[in-house]
Amino acid sequence: MAVTVAYPHIEHTDEGVPIIKETGTKVEQIALDQIAYGWSADEIHRGHPYLSLAQIHSALAYYYDNQERMDALIEEGLRYVNEFREGQGETTVRLKLKAKGLVS
């Protein structure tokens, strides 16, 4: 018997992207805050004070219940950013930092 889980704070855009209702904040962003920075729900709340703890916990629950799909979305986004960045070449700031030997 299949179990259906309800996420009262989560909805999907027309493109199928899960977001927190009435905020436009992607579930992916909340998951990345925890993955990349190791933030707890309280720390995520400090970073996004317009979200309630209930919304944050709902987003995290959605992420973990759909982790394989969500991780694929995150990977897709990272590939897009990297491809875009490569197409832009070096920025003026990065070139200046390189000249000073501050970055490689």
Protein backbone atom coordinates (compact mmCIF):
# COMPACT_ATOMS: atom_id res chain seq x y z
CA MET A 1 0.00 0.00 0.00
CA ALA A 2 1.46 3.35 -1.07
CA VAL A 3 1.68 6.06 1.55
CA THR A 4 1.00 9.63 0.52
CA VAL A 5 2.83 12.29 2.47
CA ALA A 6 1.40 15.79 2.69
CA TYR A 7 3.66 18.81 2.90
CA PRO A 8 1.35 21.67 3.86
CA HIS A 9 4.01 24.34 3.29
CA ILE A 10 5.25 23.06 -0.08
CA GLU A 11 3.84 23.60 -3.55
CA HIS A 12 5.23 23.11 -7.05
CA THR A 13 5.72 25.68 -9.78
CA ASP A 14 4.30 25.04 -13.23
CA GLU A 15 7.72 23.57 -14.09
CA GLY A 16 7.47 21.13 -11.16
CA VAL A 17 10.01 22.86 -8.91
CA PRO A 18 9.13 22.49 -5.21
CA ILE A 19 8.93 25.82 -3.39
CA ILE A 20 7.74 27.04 -0.01
CA LYS A 21 4.20 28.35 -0.45
CA GLU A 22 3.72 32.09 -0.79
CA THR A 23 7.46 32.79 -0.63
CA GLY A 24 8.96 31.62 -3.91
CA THR A 25 11.85 30.12 -1.92
CA LYS A 26 12.97 26.87 -3.49
CA VAL A 27 13.18 23.78 -1.32
CA GLU A 28 16.54 23.28 -3.04
CA GLN A 29 17.87 26.49 -1.44
CA ILE A 30 16.92 25.37 2.06
CA ALA A 31 18.48 21.95 1.45
CA LEU A 32 21.66 23.59 0.16
CA ASP A 33 21.89 25.75 3.27
CA GLN A 34 21.99 22.58 5.32
CA ILE A 35 24.23 20.60 2.94
CA ALA A 36 26.76 23.31 2.10
CA TYR A 37 26.94 25.14 5.42
CA GLY A 38 25.78 22.44 7.83
CA TRP A 39 23.13 24.82 9.14
CA SER A 40 20.45 23.60 11.53
CA ALA A 41 16.84 24.66 11.05
CA ASP A 42 17.40 27.49 13.56
CA GLU A 43 20.44 28.72 11.64
CA ILE A 44 18.52 28.54 8.36
CA HIS A 45 15.79 30.60 10.05
CA ARG A 46 18.35 33.28 10.97
CA GLY A 47 19.44 33.35 7.33
CA HIS A 48 15.85 33.46 6.07
CA PRO A 49 13.86 35.24 8.81
CA TYR A 50 10.79 35.54 6.56
CA LEU A 51 10.37 31.74 6.77
CA SER A 52 8.82 30.07 9.79
CA LEU A 53 10.50 27.09 11.41
CA ALA A 54 7.53 25.01 10.29
CA GLN A 55 8.19 26.01 6.66
CA ILE A 56 11.89 25.19 7.02
CA HIS A 57 11.23 21.80 8.61
CA SER A 58 8.69 21.03 5.90
CA ALA A 59 11.22 21.92 3.20
CA LEU A 60 13.86 19.72 4.82
CA ALA A 61 11.40 16.85 5.20
CA TYR A 62 10.46 17.20 1.53
CA TYR A 63 14.14 17.18 0.57
CA TYR A 64 14.93 14.04 2.56
CA ASP A 65 11.79 12.25 1.38
CA ASN A 66 12.75 13.05 -2.23
CA GLN A 67 16.53 13.17 -1.86
CA GLU A 68 17.45 11.34 -5.06
CA ARG A 69 15.31 13.65 -7.22
CA MET A 70 16.36 16.76 -5.30
CA ASP A 71 20.06 15.89 -5.53
CA ALA A 72 19.63 15.50 -9.29
CA LEU A 73 18.10 19.01 -9.45
CA ILE A 74 20.98 20.39 -7.40
CA GLU A 75 23.54 18.72 -9.68
CA GLU A 76 21.74 20.08 -12.74
CA GLY A 77 21.85 23.59 -11.29
CA LEU A 78 25.55 23.31 -10.47
CA ARG A 79 26.32 22.12 -14.02
CA TYR A 80 24.41 25.09 -15.44
CA VAL A 81 26.27 27.56 -13.22
CA ASN A 82 29.65 26.05 -14.08
CA GLU A 83 28.90 26.10 -17.82
CA PHE A 84 27.73 29.71 -17.59
CA ARG A 85 30.78 30.71 -15.56
CA GLU A 86 33.15 29.06 -18.05
CA GLY A 87 31.47 30.93 -20.90
CA GLN A 88 32.02 34.27 -19.17
CA GLY A 89 35.78 34.01 -18.88
CA GLU A 90 37.78 35.72 -16.17
CA THR A 91 36.23 38.64 -14.31
CA THR A 92 38.12 41.88 -13.83
CA VAL A 93 38.22 41.34 -10.08
CA ARG A 94 39.62 37.82 -10.43
CA LEU A 95 42.27 39.05 -12.88
CA LYS A 96 43.33 41.74 -10.39
CA LEU A 97 43.49 39.19 -7.57
CA LYS A 98 45.58 36.88 -9.75
CA ALA A 99 47.97 39.74 -10.57
CA LYS A 100 48.47 40.28 -6.83
CA GLY A 101 48.99 36.53 -6.31
CA LEU A 102 45.92 36.25 -4.08
CA VAL A 103 44.19 33.53 -6.14
CA SER A 104 45.44 30.92 -8.56
